[in-house]
Amino acid sequence: MDEDELVLPAIYNFTPLRALRTTSRRKLSSFLDLEGVLVVVDNDGIDSDIVNDYSGLAELAGFNYQDIMDMKRQRSPTTELLDLWTGQNGNVGKLWTYLYMMGRYDVLTDCRQSISQVFIR
């Protein structure tokens, strides 16, 4: 794996999630809607056990248990998460950071091009 594929260009750090195209959201969902595995992440100096799918991403983004259970009932929990997180001023930089923390390098490498298209018009 090329280390450059895991680095997000600075221009995206504060790009709002609302800039993600439908294609990017679907691609992210195709990975994160699948059941993940339990991983340990360092979240601000505190080790936490999370599942590295949409539910762990939601936890890192600050959603509570009830919110995550509501997401689970949706056709695409990841799409629901991204929609809700967009309304809370989520950004691409945080999304990228959390995916990295969860060890989802597969998502980072496979979705990089799709995510980078937010600035291509």
PDB file of N, CA and C in Angstrom:
ATOM      1  N   MET A   1       0.845  -1.171   0.000  1.00  0.00           N
ATOM      2  CA  MET A   1       0.000   0.000   0.000  1.00  0.00           C
ATOM      3  C   MET A   1       0.893   1.237   0.000  1.00  0.00           C
ATOM      4  N   ASP A   2       0.579   2.175  -0.866  1.00  0.00           N
ATOM      5  CA  ASP A   2       1.323   3.415  -0.977  1.00  0.00           C
ATOM      6  C   ASP A   2       0.871   4.369   0.123  1.00  0.00           C
ATOM      7  N   GLU A   3       1.811   4.835   0.927  1.00  0.00           N
ATOM      8  CA  GLU A   3       1.492   5.734   2.050  1.00  0.00           C
ATOM      9  C   GLU A   3       0.804   7.010   1.586  1.00  0.00           C
ATOM     10  N   ASP A   4       1.122   7.488   0.370  1.00  0.00           N
ATOM     11  CA  ASP A   4       0.484   8.700  -0.152  1.00  0.00           C
ATOM     12  C   ASP A   4      -1.020   8.539  -0.315  1.00  0.00           C
ATOM     13  N   GLU A   5      -1.478   7.313  -0.520  1.00  0.00           N
ATOM     14  CA  GLU A   5      -2.909   7.062  -0.666  1.00  0.00           C
ATOM     15  C   GLU A   5      -3.662   7.275   0.643  1.00  0.00           C
ATOM     16  N   LEU A   6      -2.948   7.269   1.755  1.00  0.00           N
ATOM     17  CA  LEU A   6      -3.585   7.408   3.052  1.00  0.00           C
ATOM     18  C   LEU A   6      -3.547   8.842   3.581  1.00  0.00           C
ATOM     19  N   VAL A   7      -2.882   9.726   2.863  1.00  0.00           N
ATOM     20  CA  VAL A   7      -2.781  11.120   3.289  1.00  0.00           C
ATOM     21  C   VAL A   7      -3.817  11.943   2.537  1.00  0.00           C
ATOM     22  N   LEU A   8      -4.585  12.697   3.281  1.00  0.00           N
ATOM     23  CA  LEU A   8      -5.603  13.556   2.691  1.00  0.00           C
ATOM     24  C   LEU A   8      -4.990  14.918   2.408  1.00  0.00           C
ATOM     25  N   PRO A   9      -5.065  15.393   1.167  1.00  0.00           N
ATOM     26  CA  PRO A   9      -4.557  16.741   0.885  1.00  0.00           C
ATOM     27  C   PRO A   9      -5.251  17.772   1.781  1.00  0.00           C
ATOM     28  N   ALA A  10      -4.501  18.751   2.252  1.00  0.00           N
ATOM     29  CA  ALA A  10      -4.993  19.732   3.223  1.00  0.00           C
ATOM     30  C   ALA A  10      -6.252  20.456   2.768  1.00  0.00           C
ATOM     31  N   ILE A  11      -6.437  20.604   1.480  1.00  0.00           N
ATOM     32  CA  ILE A  11      -7.599  21.326   0.960  1.00  0.00           C
ATOM     33  C   ILE A  11      -8.912  20.689   1.415  1.00  0.00           C
ATOM     34  N   TYR A  12      -8.896  19.403   1.742  1.00  0.00           N
ATOM     35  CA  TYR A  12     -10.105  18.686   2.130  1.00  0.00           C
ATOM     36  C   TYR A  12     -10.387  18.716   3.634  1.00  0.00           C
ATOM     37  N   ASN A  13      -9.422  19.143   4.432  1.00  0.00           N
ATOM     38  CA  ASN A  13      -9.570  19.040   5.881  1.00  0.00           C
ATOM     39  C   ASN A  13     -10.845  19.674   6.419  1.00  0.00           C
ATOM     40  N   PHE A  14     -11.258  20.788   5.857  1.00  0.00           N
ATOM     41  CA  PHE A  14     -12.440  21.479   6.372  1.00  0.00           C
ATOM     42  C   PHE A  14     -13.575  21.523   5.350  1.00  0.00           C
ATOM     43  N   THR A  15     -13.470  20.693   4.322  1.00  0.00           N
ATOM     44  CA  THR A  15     -14.533  20.610   3.321  1.00  0.00           C
ATOM     45  C   THR A  15     -15.756  19.968   3.960  1.00  0.00           C
ATOM     46  N   PRO A  16     -16.904  20.639   3.913  1.00  0.00           N
ATOM     47  CA  PRO A  16     -18.100  20.066   4.531  1.00  0.00           C
ATOM     48  C   PRO A  16     -18.536  18.773   3.843  1.00  0.00           C
ATOM     49  N   LEU A  17     -19.120  17.874   4.608  1.00  0.00           N
ATOM     50  CA  LEU A  17     -19.606  16.612   4.052  1.00  0.00           C
ATOM     51  C   LEU A  17     -20.664  16.833   2.974  1.00  0.00           C
ATOM     52  N   ARG A  18     -21.367  17.942   3.020  1.00  0.00           N
ATOM     53  CA  ARG A  18     -22.394  18.199   2.010  1.00  0.00           C
ATOM     54  C   ARG A  18     -21.785  18.286   0.609  1.00  0.00           C
ATOM     55  N   ALA A  19     -20.471  18.473   0.519  1.00  0.00           N
ATOM     56  CA  ALA A  19     -19.799  18.537  -0.782  1.00  0.00           C
ATOM     57  C   ALA A  19     -19.620  17.154  -1.407  1.00  0.00           C
ATOM     58  N   LEU A  20     -19.767  16.092  -0.613  1.00  0.00           N
ATOM     59  CA  LEU A  20     -19.607  14.741  -1.164  1.00  0.00           C
ATOM     60  C   LEU A  20     -20.735  14.447  -2.150  1.00  0.00           C
ATOM     61  N   ARG A  21     -20.362  13.960  -3.298  1.00  0.00           N
ATOM     62  CA  ARG A  21     -21.346  13.598  -4.309  1.00  0.00           C
ATOM     63  C   ARG A  21     -22.042  12.301  -3.926  1.00  0.00           C
ATOM     64  N   THR A  22     -23.162  12.058  -4.577  1.00  0.00           N
ATOM     65  CA  THR A  22     -23.932  10.841  -4.342  1.00  0.00           C
ATOM     66  C   THR A  22     -23.076   9.606  -4.594  1.00  0.00           C
ATOM     67  N   THR A  23     -22.255   9.647  -5.635  1.00  0.00           N
ATOM     68  CA  THR A  23     -21.380   8.515  -5.952  1.00  0.00           C
ATOM     69  C   THR A  23     -20.438   8.212  -4.796  1.00  0.00           C
ATOM     70  N   SER A  24     -19.866   9.239  -4.189  1.00  0.00           N
ATOM     71  CA  SER A  24     -18.961   9.053  -3.054  1.00  0.00           C
ATOM     72  C   SER A  24     -19.698   8.436  -1.875  1.00  0.00           C
ATOM     73  N   ARG A  25     -20.885   8.926  -1.614  1.00  0.00           N
ATOM     74  CA  ARG A  25     -21.678   8.415  -0.497  1.00  0.00           C
ATOM     75  C   ARG A  25     -22.041   6.944  -0.709  1.00  0.00           C
ATOM     76  N   ARG A  26     -22.405   6.594  -1.933  1.00  0.00           N
ATOM     77  CA  ARG A  26     -22.743   5.192  -2.228  1.00  0.00           C
ATOM     78  C   ARG A  26     -21.531   4.285  -2.078  1.00  0.00           C
ATOM     79  N   LYS A  27     -20.389   4.778  -2.547  1.00  0.00           N
ATOM     80  CA  LYS A  27     -19.174   3.970  -2.454  1.00  0.00           C
ATOM     81  C   LYS A  27     -18.791   3.758  -0.991  1.00  0.00           C
ATOM     82  N   LEU A  28     -18.843   4.821  -0.197  1.00  0.00           N
ATOM     83  CA  LEU A  28     -18.566   4.682   1.236  1.00  0.00           C
ATOM     84  C   LEU A  28     -19.529   3.693   1.872  1.00  0.00           C
ATOM     85  N   SER A  29     -20.800   3.782   1.504  1.00  0.00           N
ATOM     86  CA  SER A  29     -21.810   2.881   2.053  1.00  0.00           C
ATOM     87  C   SER A  29     -21.553   1.433   1.681  1.00  0.00           C
ATOM     88  N   SER A  30     -21.051   1.198   0.470  1.00  0.00           N
ATOM     89  CA  SER A  30     -20.794  -0.178   0.041  1.00  0.00           C
ATOM     90  C   SER A  30     -19.744  -0.858   0.926  1.00  0.00           C
ATOM     91  N   PHE A  31     -18.880  -0.071   1.539  1.00  0.00           N
ATOM     92  CA  PHE A  31     -17.885  -0.614   2.467  1.00  0.00           C
ATOM     93  C   PHE A  31     -18.403  -0.641   3.896  1.00  0.00           C
ATOM     94  N   LEU A  32     -18.965   0.472   4.344  1.00  0.00           N
ATOM     95  CA  LEU A  32     -19.258   0.648   5.760  1.00  0.00           C
ATOM     96  C   LEU A  32     -20.596   0.076   6.212  1.00  0.00           C
ATOM     97  N   ASP A  33     -21.489  -0.227   5.268  1.00  0.00           N
ATOM     98  CA  ASP A  33     -22.745  -0.884   5.645  1.00  0.00           C
ATOM     99  C   ASP A  33     -22.517  -2.340   6.027  1.00  0.00           C
ATOM    100  N   LEU A  34     -21.421  -2.928   5.557  1.00  0.00           N
ATOM    101  CA  LEU A  34     -21.089  -4.317   5.891  1.00  0.00           C
ATOM    102  C   LEU A  34     -20.600  -4.388   7.336  1.00  0.00           C
ATOM    103  N   GLU A  35     -20.904  -5.496   7.997  1.00  0.00           N
ATOM    104  CA  GLU A  35     -20.486  -5.651   9.389  1.00  0.00           C
ATOM    105  C   GLU A  35     -18.967  -5.606   9.504  1.00  0.00           C
ATOM    106  N   GLY A  36     -18.484  -4.779  10.417  1.00  0.00           N
ATOM    107  CA  GLY A  36     -17.054  -4.630  10.632  1.00  0.00           C
ATOM    108  C   GLY A  36     -16.543  -5.560  11.712  1.00  0.00           C
ATOM    109  N   VAL A  37     -15.331  -5.302  12.137  1.00  0.00           N
ATOM    110  CA  VAL A  37     -14.704  -6.079  13.206  1.00  0.00           C
ATOM    111  C   VAL A  37     -14.350  -5.132  14.348  1.00  0.00           C
ATOM    112  N   LEU A  38     -14.208  -5.693  15.519  1.00  0.00           N
ATOM    113  CA  LEU A  38     -13.859  -4.916  16.700  1.00  0.00           C
ATOM    114  C   LEU A  38     -12.394  -4.492  16.618  1.00  0.00           C
ATOM    115  N   VAL A  39     -12.151  -3.198  16.799  1.00  0.00           N
ATOM    116  CA  VAL A  39     -10.789  -2.667  16.797  1.00  0.00           C
ATOM    117  C   VAL A  39     -10.632  -1.729  17.990  1.00  0.00           C
ATOM    118  N   VAL A  40      -9.400  -1.474  18.357  1.00  0.00           N
ATOM    119  CA  VAL A  40      -9.103  -0.509  19.413  1.00  0.00           C
ATOM    120  C   VAL A  40      -8.566   0.737  18.742  1.00  0.00           C
ATOM    121  N   VAL A  41      -9.165   1.883  19.066  1.00  0.00           N
ATOM    122  CA  VAL A  41      -8.697   3.153  18.511  1.00  0.00           C
ATOM    123  C   VAL A  41      -8.257   4.069  19.640  1.00  0.00           C
ATOM    124  N   ASP A  42      -7.285   4.904  19.342  1.00  0.00           N
ATOM    125  CA  ASP A  42      -6.831   5.924  20.276  1.00  0.00           C
ATOM    126  C   ASP A  42      -7.596   7.190  19.943  1.00  0.00           C
ATOM    127  N   ASN A  43      -8.547   7.543  20.793  1.00  0.00           N
ATOM    128  CA  ASN A  43      -9.374   8.723  20.574  1.00  0.00           C
ATOM    129  C   ASN A  43      -9.005   9.766  21.623  1.00  0.00           C
ATOM    130  N   ASP A  44      -8.148  10.696  21.234  1.00  0.00           N
ATOM    131  CA  ASP A  44      -7.670  11.745  22.153  1.00  0.00           C
ATOM    132  C   ASP A  44      -7.006  11.166  23.392  1.00  0.00           C
ATOM    133  N   GLY A  45      -6.158  10.168  23.196  1.00  0.00           N
ATOM    134  CA  GLY A  45      -5.403   9.583  24.288  1.00  0.00           C
ATOM    135  C   GLY A  45      -6.132   8.509  25.080  1.00  0.00           C
ATOM    136  N   ILE A  46      -7.357   8.205  24.685  1.00  0.00           N
ATOM    137  CA  ILE A  46      -8.133   7.175  25.370  1.00  0.00           C
ATOM    138  C   ILE A  46      -8.387   6.033  24.392  1.00  0.00           C
ATOM    139  N   ASP A  47      -7.976   4.820  24.786  1.00  0.00           N
ATOM    140  CA  ASP A  47      -8.237   3.656  23.946  1.00  0.00           C
ATOM    141  C   ASP A  47      -9.704   3.256  24.073  1.00  0.00           C
ATOM    142  N   SER A  48     -10.343   3.066  22.916  1.00  0.00           N
ATOM    143  CA  SER A  48     -11.753   2.676  22.886  1.00  0.00           C
ATOM    144  C   SER A  48     -11.931   1.507  21.943  1.00  0.00           C
ATOM    145  N   ASP A  49     -12.777   0.567  22.332  1.00  0.00           N
ATOM    146  CA  ASP A  49     -13.158  -0.533  21.454  1.00  0.00           C
ATOM    147  C   ASP A  49     -14.338  -0.072  20.615  1.00  0.00           C
ATOM    148  N   ILE A  50     -14.216  -0.191  19.293  1.00  0.00           N
ATOM    149  CA  ILE A  50     -15.326   0.125  18.401  1.00  0.00           C
ATOM    150  C   ILE A  50     -15.330  -0.879  17.262  1.00  0.00           C
ATOM    151  N   VAL A  51     -16.452  -0.969  16.598  1.00  0.00           N
ATOM    152  CA  VAL A  51     -16.558  -1.804  15.403  1.00  0.00           C
ATOM    153  C   VAL A  51     -16.234  -0.896  14.225  1.00  0.00           C
ATOM    154  N   ASN A  52     -15.397  -1.371  13.292  1.00  0.00           N
ATOM    155  CA  ASN A  52     -14.916  -0.489  12.224  1.00  0.00           C
ATOM    156  C   ASN A  52     -15.841  -0.432  11.004  1.00  0.00           C
ATOM    157  N   ASP A  53     -17.124  -0.237  11.289  1.00  0.00           N
ATOM    158  CA  ASP A  53     -18.112  -0.030  10.233  1.00  0.00           C
ATOM    159  C   ASP A  53     -18.813   1.299  10.507  1.00  0.00           C
ATOM    160  N   TYR A  54     -20.003   1.499   9.943  1.00  0.00           N
ATOM    161  CA  TYR A  54     -20.728   2.756  10.137  1.00  0.00           C
ATOM    162  C   TYR A  54     -20.948   3.071  11.614  1.00  0.00           C
ATOM    163  N   SER A  55     -21.157   2.030  12.441  1.00  0.00           N
ATOM    164  CA  SER A  55     -21.472   2.267  13.851  1.00  0.00           C
ATOM    165  C   SER A  55     -20.276   2.848  14.606  1.00  0.00           C
ATOM    166  N   GLY A  56     -19.093   2.349  14.320  1.00  0.00           N
ATOM    167  CA  GLY A  56     -17.892   2.907  14.942  1.00  0.00           C
ATOM    168  C   GLY A  56     -17.619   4.319  14.458  1.00  0.00           C
ATOM    169  N   LEU A  57     -17.843   4.541  13.169  1.00  0.00           N
ATOM    170  CA  LEU A  57     -17.682   5.884  12.618  1.00  0.00           C
ATOM    171  C   LEU A  57     -18.654   6.840  13.301  1.00  0.00           C
ATOM    172  N   ALA A  58     -19.881   6.390  13.513  1.00  0.00           N
ATOM    173  CA  ALA A  58     -20.884   7.218  14.183  1.00  0.00           C
ATOM    174  C   ALA A  58     -20.475   7.526  15.624  1.00  0.00           C
ATOM    175  N   GLU A  59     -19.927   6.528  16.311  1.00  0.00           N
ATOM    176  CA  GLU A  59     -19.453   6.764  17.685  1.00  0.00           C
ATOM    177  C   GLU A  59     -18.371   7.825  17.706  1.00  0.00           C
ATOM    178  N   LEU A  60     -17.396   7.696  16.808  1.00  0.00           N
ATOM    179  CA  LEU A  60     -16.316   8.669  16.756  1.00  0.00           C
ATOM    180  C   LEU A  60     -16.832  10.070  16.413  1.00  0.00           C
ATOM    181  N   ALA A  61     -17.888  10.122  15.614  1.00  0.00           N
ATOM    182  CA  ALA A  61     -18.465  11.411  15.219  1.00  0.00           C
ATOM    183  C   ALA A  61     -19.347  12.006  16.315  1.00  0.00           C
ATOM    184  N   GLY A  62     -19.555  11.263  17.405  1.00  0.00           N
ATOM    185  CA  GLY A  62     -20.290  11.805  18.542  1.00  0.00           C
ATOM    186  C   GLY A  62     -21.752  11.423  18.647  1.00  0.00           C
ATOM    187  N   PHE A  63     -22.182  10.453  17.847  1.00  0.00           N
ATOM    188  CA  PHE A  63     -23.574  10.016  17.927  1.00  0.00           C
ATOM    189  C   PHE A  63     -23.744   9.038  19.084  1.00  0.00           C
ATOM    190  N   ASN A  64     -24.927   9.050  19.686  1.00  0.00           N
ATOM    191  CA  ASN A  64     -25.179   8.181  20.828  1.00  0.00           C
ATOM    192  C   ASN A  64     -25.771   6.842  20.383  1.00  0.00           C
ATOM    193  N   TYR A  65     -25.959   5.969  21.353  1.00  0.00           N
ATOM    194  CA  TYR A  65     -26.443   4.616  21.090  1.00  0.00           C
ATOM    195  C   TYR A  65     -27.779   4.628  20.351  1.00  0.00           C
ATOM    196  N   GLN A  66     -28.718   5.452  20.814  1.00  0.00           N
ATOM    197  CA  GLN A  66     -30.038   5.495  20.192  1.00  0.00           C
ATOM    198  C   GLN A  66     -29.951   5.956  18.738  1.00  0.00           C
ATOM    199  N   ASP A  67     -29.111   6.964  18.477  1.00  0.00           N
ATOM    200  CA  ASP A  67     -28.915   7.433  17.102  1.00  0.00           C
ATOM    201  C   ASP A  67     -28.402   6.296  16.218  1.00  0.00           C
ATOM    202  N   ILE A  68     -27.446   5.540  16.742  1.00  0.00           N
ATOM    203  CA  ILE A  68     -26.837   4.456  15.971  1.00  0.00           C
ATOM    204  C   ILE A  68     -27.853   3.336  15.726  1.00  0.00           C
ATOM    205  N   MET A  69     -28.681   3.047  16.708  1.00  0.00           N
ATOM    206  CA  MET A  69     -29.729   2.040  16.516  1.00  0.00           C
ATOM    207  C   MET A  69     -30.739   2.511  15.465  1.00  0.00           C
ATOM    208  N   ASP A  70     -31.048   3.788  15.446  1.00  0.00           N
ATOM    209  CA  ASP A  70     -31.938   4.339  14.419  1.00  0.00           C
ATOM    210  C   ASP A  70     -31.302   4.225  13.035  1.00  0.00           C
ATOM    211  N   MET A  71     -29.990   4.468  12.945  1.00  0.00           N
ATOM    212  CA  MET A  71     -29.276   4.336  11.665  1.00  0.00           C
ATOM    213  C   MET A  71     -29.351   2.895  11.165  1.00  0.00           C
ATOM    214  N   LYS A  72     -29.200   1.960  12.103  1.00  0.00           N
ATOM    215  CA  LYS A  72     -29.183   0.530  11.760  1.00  0.00           C
ATOM    216  C   LYS A  72     -30.471   0.093  11.072  1.00  0.00           C
ATOM    217  N   ARG A  73     -31.571   0.747  11.386  1.00  0.00           N
ATOM    218  CA  ARG A  73     -32.870   0.392  10.809  1.00  0.00           C
ATOM    219  C   ARG A  73     -33.073   0.937   9.394  1.00  0.00           C
ATOM    220  N   GLN A  74     -32.172   1.759   8.937  1.00  0.00           N
ATOM    221  CA  GLN A  74     -32.297   2.363   7.609  1.00  0.00           C
ATOM    222  C   GLN A  74     -31.774   1.407   6.533  1.00  0.00           C
ATOM    223  N   ARG A  75     -32.205   1.639   5.312  1.00  0.00           N
ATOM    224  CA  ARG A  75     -31.742   0.815   4.187  1.00  0.00           C
ATOM    225  C   ARG A  75     -30.219   0.851   4.080  1.00  0.00           C
ATOM    226  N   SER A  76     -29.646   2.041   4.242  1.00  0.00           N
ATOM    227  CA  SER A  76     -28.193   2.198   4.274  1.00  0.00           C
ATOM    228  C   SER A  76     -27.830   3.006   5.515  1.00  0.00           C
ATOM    229  N   PRO A  77     -27.354   2.328   6.553  1.00  0.00           N
ATOM    230  CA  PRO A  77     -26.969   3.038   7.774  1.00  0.00           C
ATOM    231  C   PRO A  77     -25.903   4.109   7.523  1.00  0.00           C
ATOM    232  N   THR A  78     -24.974   3.840   6.616  1.00  0.00           N
ATOM    233  CA  THR A  78     -23.907   4.808   6.334  1.00  0.00           C
ATOM    234  C   THR A  78     -24.472   6.063   5.695  1.00  0.00           C
ATOM    235  N   THR A  79     -25.392   5.904   4.761  1.00  0.00           N
ATOM    236  CA  THR A  79     -26.014   7.066   4.129  1.00  0.00           C
ATOM    237  C   THR A  79     -26.741   7.904   5.175  1.00  0.00           C
ATOM    238  N   GLU A  80     -27.453   7.246   6.059  1.00  0.00           N
ATOM    239  CA  GLU A  80     -28.150   7.952   7.137  1.00  0.00           C
ATOM    240  C   GLU A  80     -27.152   8.696   8.018  1.00  0.00           C
ATOM    241  N   LEU A  81     -26.058   8.030   8.370  1.00  0.00           N
ATOM    242  CA  LEU A  81     -25.012   8.663   9.175  1.00  0.00           C
ATOM    243  C   LEU A  81     -24.477   9.909   8.476  1.00  0.00           C
ATOM    244  N   LEU A  82     -24.117   9.776   7.208  1.00  0.00           N
ATOM    245  CA  LEU A  82     -23.560  10.918   6.479  1.00  0.00           C
ATOM    246  C   LEU A  82     -24.561  12.064   6.389  1.00  0.00           C
ATOM    247  N   ASP A  83     -25.827  11.734   6.190  1.00  0.00           N
ATOM    248  CA  ASP A  83     -26.861  12.775   6.135  1.00  0.00           C
ATOM    249  C   ASP A  83     -26.985  13.504   7.472  1.00  0.00           C
ATOM    250  N   LEU A  84     -27.033  12.749   8.557  1.00  0.00           N
ATOM    251  CA  LEU A  84     -27.147  13.359   9.882  1.00  0.00           C
ATOM    252  C   LEU A  84     -25.896  14.157  10.246  1.00  0.00           C
ATOM    253  N   TRP A  85     -24.753  13.596   9.937  1.00  0.00           N
ATOM    254  CA  TRP A  85     -23.477  14.238  10.260  1.00  0.00           C
ATOM    255  C   TRP A  85     -23.306  15.511   9.432  1.00  0.00           C
ATOM    256  N   THR A  86     -23.796  15.502   8.201  1.00  0.00           N
ATOM    257  CA  THR A  86     -23.759  16.703   7.363  1.00  0.00           C
ATOM    258  C   THR A  86     -24.520  17.826   8.052  1.00  0.00           C
ATOM    259  N   GLY A  87     -25.673  17.507   8.638  1.00  0.00           N
ATOM    260  CA  GLY A  87     -26.466  18.502   9.342  1.00  0.00           C
ATOM    261  C   GLY A  87     -25.813  19.023  10.605  1.00  0.00           C
ATOM    262  N   GLN A  88     -24.792  18.330  11.074  1.00  0.00           N
ATOM    263  CA  GLN A  88     -24.065  18.746  12.281  1.00  0.00           C
ATOM    264  C   GLN A  88     -22.686  19.298  11.925  1.00  0.00           C
ATOM    265  N   ASN A  89     -22.552  19.772  10.701  1.00  0.00           N
ATOM    266  CA  ASN A  89     -21.298  20.377  10.233  1.00  0.00           C
ATOM    267  C   ASN A  89     -20.131  19.407  10.199  1.00  0.00           C
ATOM    268  N   GLY A  90     -20.401  18.141   9.848  1.00  0.00           N
ATOM    269  CA  GLY A  90     -19.322  17.182   9.651  1.00  0.00           C
ATOM    270  C   GLY A  90     -18.468  17.607   8.469  1.00  0.00           C
ATOM    271  N   ASN A  91     -17.216  17.158   8.453  1.00  0.00           N
ATOM    272  CA  ASN A  91     -16.344  17.517   7.333  1.00  0.00           C
ATOM    273  C   ASN A  91     -15.525  16.324   6.862  1.00  0.00           C
ATOM    274  N   VAL A  92     -15.009  16.454   5.665  1.00  0.00           N
ATOM    275  CA  VAL A  92     -14.267  15.372   5.021  1.00  0.00           C
ATOM    276  C   VAL A  92     -12.997  15.046   5.810  1.00  0.00           C
ATOM    277  N   GLY A  93     -12.373  16.051   6.397  1.00  0.00           N
ATOM    278  CA  GLY A  93     -11.159  15.814   7.187  1.00  0.00           C
ATOM    279  C   GLY A  93     -11.412  14.891   8.367  1.00  0.00           C
ATOM    280  N   LYS A  94     -12.507  15.116   9.079  1.00  0.00           N
ATOM    281  CA  LYS A  94     -12.852  14.250  10.220  1.00  0.00           C
ATOM    282  C   LYS A  94     -13.216  12.854   9.737  1.00  0.00           C
ATOM    283  N   LEU A  95     -13.992  12.772   8.649  1.00  0.00           N
ATOM    284  CA  LEU A  95     -14.337  11.471   8.071  1.00  0.00           C
ATOM    285  C   LEU A  95     -13.065  10.688   7.771  1.00  0.00           C
ATOM    286  N   TRP A  96     -12.132  11.311   7.106  1.00  0.00           N
ATOM    287  CA  TRP A  96     -10.870  10.672   6.726  1.00  0.00           C
ATOM    288  C   TRP A  96     -10.088  10.230   7.964  1.00  0.00           C
ATOM    289  N   THR A  97      -9.997  11.129   8.953  1.00  0.00           N
ATOM    290  CA  THR A  97      -9.265  10.827  10.181  1.00  0.00           C
ATOM    291  C   THR A  97      -9.862   9.631  10.895  1.00  0.00           C
ATOM    292  N   TYR A  98     -11.178   9.593  11.004  1.00  0.00           N
ATOM    293  CA  TYR A  98     -11.834   8.488  11.710  1.00  0.00           C
ATOM    294  C   TYR A  98     -11.673   7.173  10.956  1.00  0.00           C
ATOM    295  N   LEU A  99     -11.766   7.208   9.630  1.00  0.00           N
ATOM    296  CA  LEU A  99     -11.542   5.986   8.847  1.00  0.00           C
ATOM    297  C   LEU A  99     -10.118   5.476   9.061  1.00  0.00           C
ATOM    298  N   TYR A 100      -9.169   6.390   9.104  1.00  0.00           N
ATOM    299  CA  TYR A 100      -7.769   6.022   9.353  1.00  0.00           C
ATOM    300  C   TYR A 100      -7.630   5.412  10.757  1.00  0.00           C
ATOM    301  N   MET A 101      -8.224   6.058  11.754  1.00  0.00           N
ATOM    302  CA  MET A 101      -8.151   5.558  13.131  1.00  0.00           C
ATOM    303  C   MET A 101      -8.722   4.147  13.243  1.00  0.00           C
ATOM    304  N   MET A 102      -9.771   3.865  12.467  1.00  0.00           N
ATOM    305  CA  MET A 102     -10.417   2.551  12.515  1.00  0.00           C
ATOM    306  C   MET A 102      -9.681   1.507  11.674  1.00  0.00           C
ATOM    307  N   GLY A 103      -8.601   1.917  11.009  1.00  0.00           N
ATOM    308  CA  GLY A 103      -7.853   0.974  10.196  1.00  0.00           C
ATOM    309  C   GLY A 103      -8.540   0.624   8.893  1.00  0.00           C
ATOM    310  N   ARG A 104      -9.420   1.490   8.411  1.00  0.00           N
ATOM    311  CA  ARG A 104     -10.149   1.225   7.170  1.00  0.00           C
ATOM    312  C   ARG A 104      -9.374   1.771   5.964  1.00  0.00           C
ATOM    313  N   TYR A 105      -8.171   1.243   5.797  1.00  0.00           N
ATOM    314  CA  TYR A 105      -7.315   1.655   4.683  1.00  0.00           C
ATOM    315  C   TYR A 105      -7.915   1.248   3.342  1.00  0.00           C
ATOM    316  N   ASP A 106      -8.712   0.174   3.348  1.00  0.00           N
ATOM    317  CA  ASP A 106      -9.397  -0.247   2.129  1.00  0.00           C
ATOM    318  C   ASP A 106     -10.337   0.854   1.649  1.00  0.00           C
ATOM    319  N   VAL A 107     -11.066   1.455   2.567  1.00  0.00           N
ATOM    320  CA  VAL A 107     -11.991   2.526   2.219  1.00  0.00           C
ATOM    321  C   VAL A 107     -11.214   3.762   1.755  1.00  0.00           C
ATOM    322  N   LEU A 108     -10.146   4.083   2.480  1.00  0.00           N
ATOM    323  CA  LEU A 108      -9.359   5.263   2.122  1.00  0.00           C
ATOM    324  C   LEU A 108      -8.776   5.152   0.719  1.00  0.00           C
ATOM    325  N   THR A 109      -8.245   3.999   0.387  1.00  0.00           N
ATOM    326  CA  THR A 109      -7.625   3.863  -0.935  1.00  0.00           C
ATOM    327  C   THR A 109      -8.667   3.740  -2.041  1.00  0.00           C
ATOM    328  N   ASP A 110      -9.735   2.998  -1.796  1.00  0.00           N
ATOM    329  CA  ASP A 110     -10.737   2.790  -2.845  1.00  0.00           C
ATOM    330  C   ASP A 110     -11.668   3.985  -3.046  1.00  0.00           C
ATOM    331  N   CYS A 111     -11.837   4.808  -2.020  1.00  0.00           N
ATOM    332  CA  CYS A 111     -12.751   5.950  -2.127  1.00  0.00           C
ATOM    333  C   CYS A 111     -12.032   7.279  -2.343  1.00  0.00           C
ATOM    334  N   ARG A 112     -10.715   7.267  -2.324  1.00  0.00           N
ATOM    335  CA  ARG A 112      -9.940   8.510  -2.442  1.00  0.00           C
ATOM    336  C   ARG A 112     -10.302   9.298  -3.696  1.00  0.00           C
ATOM    337  N   GLN A 113     -10.321   8.653  -4.830  1.00  0.00           N
ATOM    338  CA  GLN A 113     -10.609   9.355  -6.079  1.00  0.00           C
ATOM    339  C   GLN A 113     -12.028   9.918  -6.068  1.00  0.00           C
ATOM    340  N   SER A 114     -12.964   9.146  -5.611  1.00  0.00           N
ATOM    341  CA  SER A 114     -14.353   9.591  -5.546  1.00  0.00           C
ATOM    342  C   SER A 114     -14.511  10.792  -4.632  1.00  0.00           C
ATOM    343  N   ILE A 115     -13.862  10.761  -3.493  1.00  0.00           N
ATOM    344  CA  ILE A 115     -13.930  11.872  -2.544  1.00  0.00           C
ATOM    345  C   ILE A 115     -13.239  13.105  -3.107  1.00  0.00           C
ATOM    346  N   SER A 116     -12.127  12.908  -3.786  1.00  0.00           N
ATOM    347  CA  SER A 116     -11.386  14.059  -4.316  1.00  0.00           C
ATOM    348  C   SER A 116     -12.137  14.783  -5.419  1.00  0.00           C
ATOM    349  N   GLN A 117     -13.174  14.179  -5.956  1.00  0.00           N
ATOM    350  CA  GLN A 117     -13.929  14.813  -7.033  1.00  0.00           C
ATOM    351  C   GLN A 117     -14.859  15.920  -6.540  1.00  0.00           C
ATOM    352  N   VAL A 118     -14.869  16.202  -5.240  1.00  0.00           N
ATOM    353  CA  VAL A 118     -15.736  17.278  -4.743  1.00  0.00           C
ATOM    354  C   VAL A 118     -15.317  18.620  -5.324  1.00  0.00           C
ATOM    355  N   PHE A 119     -14.062  18.737  -5.757  1.00  0.00           N
ATOM    356  CA  PHE A 119     -13.586  20.001  -6.306  1.00  0.00           C
ATOM    357  C   PHE A 119     -13.516  20.011  -7.833  1.00  0.00           C
ATOM    358  N   ILE A 120     -13.903  18.900  -8.451  1.00  0.00           N
ATOM    359  CA  ILE A 120     -13.900  18.850  -9.910  1.00  0.00           C
ATOM    360  C   ILE A 120     -15.296  19.193 -10.392  1.00  0.00           C
ATOM    361  N   ARG A 121     -15.399  20.161 -11.242  1.00  0.00           N
ATOM    362  CA  ARG A 121     -16.715  20.564 -11.775  1.00  0.00           C
ATOM    363  C   ARG A 121     -16.722  20.504 -13.276  1.00  0.00           C
TER     364      ARG A 121
END
